[in-house]
Amino acid sequence: MVTLKADNKRRVAIPDIKPGQVFAFEDNGDGSYTLIKVKAERKEPFPPGSLRKYFDRKRDAEMSAIAKAMPLPPLPEDY
């Protein structure tokens, strides 16, 4: 059994773990704690093809025409 001491920020360095590993913390109620290693599953924020529904060539052409027709405001003199 290894004895560990918490620092002033209540952190404990556990040997043999890698940065980024995720643990579930459980208070047993009798003054002991249990850490259970869990697999951190990360989904891709935007899987391939998921944003395609937001792009439409016809709508994009209309928006480009509107943007080209709008005059730009003059820049401030202190720019």
N, C-alpha and C. Protein backbone atom coordinates (compact mmCIF):
# COMPACT_ATOMS: atom_id res chain seq x y z
N MET A 1 0.85 -1.17 0.00
CA MET A 1 0.00 0.00 0.00
C MET A 1 0.90 1.23 0.00
N VAL A 2 0.52 2.23 -0.81
CA VAL A 2 1.27 3.47 -0.91
C VAL A 2 0.51 4.56 -0.17
N THR A 3 1.23 5.37 0.60
CA THR A 3 0.61 6.49 1.31
C THR A 3 0.86 7.76 0.51
N LEU A 4 -0.20 8.53 0.28
CA LEU A 4 -0.10 9.77 -0.48
C LEU A 4 -0.55 10.93 0.40
N LYS A 5 0.02 12.11 0.14
CA LYS A 5 -0.33 13.29 0.92
C LYS A 5 -0.85 14.37 -0.02
N ALA A 6 -1.98 14.99 0.32
CA ALA A 6 -2.56 16.06 -0.50
C ALA A 6 -1.80 17.36 -0.27
N ASP A 7 -1.68 18.17 -1.34
CA ASP A 7 -1.03 19.47 -1.19
C ASP A 7 -2.05 20.49 -0.70
N ASN A 8 -1.65 21.77 -0.65
CA ASN A 8 -2.54 22.80 -0.10
C ASN A 8 -3.75 23.08 -1.00
N LYS A 9 -3.77 22.56 -2.21
CA LYS A 9 -4.92 22.71 -3.11
C LYS A 9 -5.73 21.42 -3.19
N ARG A 10 -5.54 20.52 -2.24
CA ARG A 10 -6.25 19.23 -2.12
C ARG A 10 -6.01 18.32 -3.31
N ARG A 11 -4.81 18.38 -3.88
CA ARG A 11 -4.45 17.51 -5.01
C ARG A 11 -3.55 16.38 -4.51
N VAL A 12 -3.71 15.23 -5.12
CA VAL A 12 -2.90 14.06 -4.80
C VAL A 12 -2.31 13.55 -6.11
N ALA A 13 -1.02 13.30 -6.13
CA ALA A 13 -0.36 12.75 -7.31
C ALA A 13 -0.35 11.23 -7.20
N ILE A 14 -1.02 10.57 -8.12
CA ILE A 14 -1.11 9.12 -8.10
C ILE A 14 -0.08 8.58 -9.08
N PRO A 15 0.82 7.71 -8.61
CA PRO A 15 1.82 7.16 -9.52
C PRO A 15 1.17 6.25 -10.58
N ASP A 16 1.85 6.13 -11.69
CA ASP A 16 1.45 5.22 -12.77
C ASP A 16 0.18 5.62 -13.53
N ILE A 17 -0.26 6.86 -13.42
CA ILE A 17 -1.37 7.29 -14.28
C ILE A 17 -0.82 8.25 -15.32
N LYS A 18 -1.53 8.33 -16.41
CA LYS A 18 -1.11 9.20 -17.51
C LYS A 18 -1.97 10.45 -17.52
N PRO A 19 -1.43 11.57 -18.00
CA PRO A 19 -2.24 12.79 -18.09
C PRO A 19 -3.47 12.56 -18.97
N GLY A 20 -4.59 13.08 -18.54
CA GLY A 20 -5.82 12.95 -19.30
C GLY A 20 -6.67 11.76 -18.94
N GLN A 21 -6.18 10.85 -18.11
CA GLN A 21 -7.00 9.72 -17.70
C GLN A 21 -8.14 10.22 -16.82
N VAL A 22 -9.30 9.58 -16.93
CA VAL A 22 -10.50 10.00 -16.22
C VAL A 22 -10.86 8.94 -15.19
N PHE A 23 -11.23 9.41 -13.99
CA PHE A 23 -11.60 8.51 -12.91
C PHE A 23 -12.94 8.92 -12.33
N ALA A 24 -13.72 7.93 -11.91
CA ALA A 24 -14.95 8.18 -11.17
C ALA A 24 -14.58 8.16 -9.69
N PHE A 25 -15.10 9.11 -8.93
CA PHE A 25 -14.78 9.26 -7.52
C PHE A 25 -16.00 8.85 -6.71
N GLU A 26 -15.77 8.00 -5.69
CA GLU A 26 -16.87 7.54 -4.85
C GLU A 26 -16.47 7.65 -3.38
N ASP A 27 -17.30 8.31 -2.60
CA ASP A 27 -17.09 8.42 -1.16
C ASP A 27 -17.80 7.23 -0.52
N ASN A 28 -17.06 6.38 0.16
CA ASN A 28 -17.64 5.17 0.75
C ASN A 28 -18.39 5.44 2.04
N GLY A 29 -18.25 6.64 2.60
CA GLY A 29 -18.98 6.99 3.80
C GLY A 29 -18.28 6.61 5.10
N ASP A 30 -17.30 5.75 5.02
CA ASP A 30 -16.58 5.34 6.22
C ASP A 30 -15.20 6.00 6.30
N GLY A 31 -15.02 7.08 5.53
CA GLY A 31 -13.73 7.77 5.52
C GLY A 31 -12.80 7.28 4.42
N SER A 32 -13.24 6.33 3.65
CA SER A 32 -12.41 5.86 2.54
C SER A 32 -13.05 6.27 1.22
N TYR A 33 -12.24 6.29 0.19
CA TYR A 33 -12.68 6.71 -1.13
C TYR A 33 -12.27 5.66 -2.15
N THR A 34 -13.03 5.62 -3.23
CA THR A 34 -12.71 4.70 -4.31
C THR A 34 -12.60 5.50 -5.62
N LEU A 35 -11.53 5.26 -6.34
CA LEU A 35 -11.35 5.82 -7.68
C LEU A 35 -11.47 4.69 -8.67
N ILE A 36 -12.31 4.89 -9.67
CA ILE A 36 -12.50 3.87 -10.69
C ILE A 36 -12.15 4.49 -12.03
N LYS A 37 -11.21 3.87 -12.74
CA LYS A 37 -10.81 4.38 -14.04
C LYS A 37 -11.94 4.16 -15.03
N VAL A 38 -12.31 5.23 -15.74
CA VAL A 38 -13.36 5.13 -16.75
C VAL A 38 -12.78 5.53 -18.09
N LYS A 39 -13.33 4.99 -19.14
CA LYS A 39 -12.88 5.32 -20.47
C LYS A 39 -13.58 6.61 -20.89
N ALA A 40 -12.79 7.62 -21.18
CA ALA A 40 -13.35 8.90 -21.61
C ALA A 40 -13.65 8.83 -23.09
N GLU A 41 -14.92 8.81 -23.42
CA GLU A 41 -15.33 8.74 -24.80
C GLU A 41 -15.62 10.15 -25.30
N ARG A 42 -14.99 10.50 -26.40
CA ARG A 42 -15.21 11.82 -27.00
C ARG A 42 -15.78 11.63 -28.39
N LYS A 43 -16.88 12.30 -28.62
CA LYS A 43 -17.46 12.27 -29.95
C LYS A 43 -16.86 13.40 -30.77
N GLU A 44 -16.80 13.19 -32.07
CA GLU A 44 -16.36 14.25 -32.95
C GLU A 44 -17.41 15.35 -32.89
N PRO A 45 -16.99 16.63 -32.73
CA PRO A 45 -18.00 17.68 -32.64
C PRO A 45 -18.83 17.82 -33.92
N PHE A 46 -18.20 17.62 -35.05
CA PHE A 46 -18.90 17.70 -36.33
C PHE A 46 -18.47 16.53 -37.19
N PRO A 47 -19.18 15.41 -37.13
CA PRO A 47 -18.82 14.26 -37.96
C PRO A 47 -18.89 14.64 -39.44
N PRO A 48 -18.13 13.95 -40.28
CA PRO A 48 -18.15 14.26 -41.71
C PRO A 48 -19.57 14.23 -42.28
N GLY A 49 -19.94 15.28 -42.98
CA GLY A 49 -21.26 15.35 -43.62
C GLY A 49 -22.34 15.96 -42.76
N SER A 50 -22.09 16.21 -41.49
CA SER A 50 -23.15 16.70 -40.61
C SER A 50 -23.50 18.17 -40.85
N LEU A 51 -22.58 18.95 -41.42
CA LEU A 51 -22.85 20.36 -41.67
C LEU A 51 -23.36 20.62 -43.09
N ARG A 52 -23.43 19.59 -43.88
CA ARG A 52 -23.83 19.75 -45.27
C ARG A 52 -25.23 20.35 -45.40
N LYS A 53 -26.10 20.08 -44.44
CA LYS A 53 -27.47 20.59 -44.52
C LYS A 53 -27.53 22.11 -44.39
N TYR A 54 -26.47 22.73 -43.89
CA TYR A 54 -26.45 24.18 -43.73
C TYR A 54 -25.92 24.91 -44.95
N PHE A 55 -25.45 24.20 -45.94
CA PHE A 55 -24.89 24.82 -47.13
C PHE A 55 -25.74 24.47 -48.34
N ASP A 56 -26.13 25.50 -49.04
CA ASP A 56 -26.96 25.34 -50.22
C ASP A 56 -26.44 26.32 -51.27
N ARG A 57 -26.08 25.84 -52.44
CA ARG A 57 -25.47 26.70 -53.46
C ARG A 57 -26.39 27.85 -53.86
N LYS A 58 -27.69 27.57 -53.98
CA LYS A 58 -28.62 28.62 -54.39
C LYS A 58 -28.71 29.71 -53.32
N ARG A 59 -28.88 29.30 -52.08
CA ARG A 59 -28.97 30.28 -50.99
C ARG A 59 -27.67 31.04 -50.84
N ASP A 60 -26.54 30.35 -50.96
CA ASP A 60 -25.24 31.01 -50.85
C ASP A 60 -25.05 32.04 -51.96
N ALA A 61 -25.52 31.75 -53.16
CA ALA A 61 -25.42 32.70 -54.27
C ALA A 61 -26.29 33.93 -53.98
N GLU A 62 -27.49 33.71 -53.44
CA GLU A 62 -28.37 34.83 -53.09
C GLU A 62 -27.73 35.72 -52.02
N MET A 63 -27.15 35.09 -50.98
CA MET A 63 -26.52 35.85 -49.90
C MET A 63 -25.31 36.62 -50.41
N SER A 64 -24.56 36.06 -51.33
CA SER A 64 -23.40 36.75 -51.91
C SER A 64 -23.86 37.96 -52.71
N ALA A 65 -24.95 37.81 -53.47
CA ALA A 65 -25.48 38.93 -54.25
C ALA A 65 -25.95 40.05 -53.34
N ILE A 66 -26.61 39.71 -52.26
CA ILE A 66 -27.08 40.72 -51.30
C ILE A 66 -25.88 41.43 -50.66
N ALA A 67 -24.87 40.68 -50.29
CA ALA A 67 -23.69 41.26 -49.63
C ALA A 67 -22.94 42.19 -50.58
N LYS A 68 -22.86 41.82 -51.86
CA LYS A 68 -22.17 42.67 -52.83
C LYS A 68 -22.94 43.96 -53.09
N ALA A 69 -24.26 43.92 -53.00
CA ALA A 69 -25.09 45.10 -53.26
C ALA A 69 -25.08 46.09 -52.10
N MET A 70 -24.73 45.65 -50.91
CA MET A 70 -24.74 46.53 -49.73
C MET A 70 -23.48 47.38 -49.70
N PRO A 71 -23.63 48.70 -49.57
CA PRO A 71 -22.44 49.55 -49.48
C PRO A 71 -21.78 49.38 -48.10
N LEU A 72 -20.46 49.49 -48.08
CA LEU A 72 -19.73 49.41 -46.82
C LEU A 72 -19.73 50.77 -46.15
N PRO A 73 -19.89 50.82 -44.83
CA PRO A 73 -19.84 52.11 -44.13
C PRO A 73 -18.41 52.65 -44.16
N PRO A 74 -18.25 53.98 -44.13
CA PRO A 74 -16.89 54.53 -44.15
C PRO A 74 -16.16 54.20 -42.84
N LEU A 75 -14.86 54.05 -42.95
CA LEU A 75 -14.05 53.77 -41.77
C LEU A 75 -13.88 55.03 -40.94
N PRO A 76 -13.81 54.92 -39.62
CA PRO A 76 -13.57 56.10 -38.79
C PRO A 76 -12.21 56.69 -39.08
N GLU A 77 -12.06 57.98 -38.83
CA GLU A 77 -10.80 58.66 -39.17
C GLU A 77 -9.65 58.19 -38.30
N ASP A 78 -9.91 57.74 -37.09
CA ASP A 78 -8.82 57.30 -36.21
C ASP A 78 -8.48 55.82 -36.40
N TYR A 79 -8.94 55.21 -37.48
CA TYR A 79 -8.67 53.80 -37.73
C TYR A 79 -7.28 53.59 -38.22
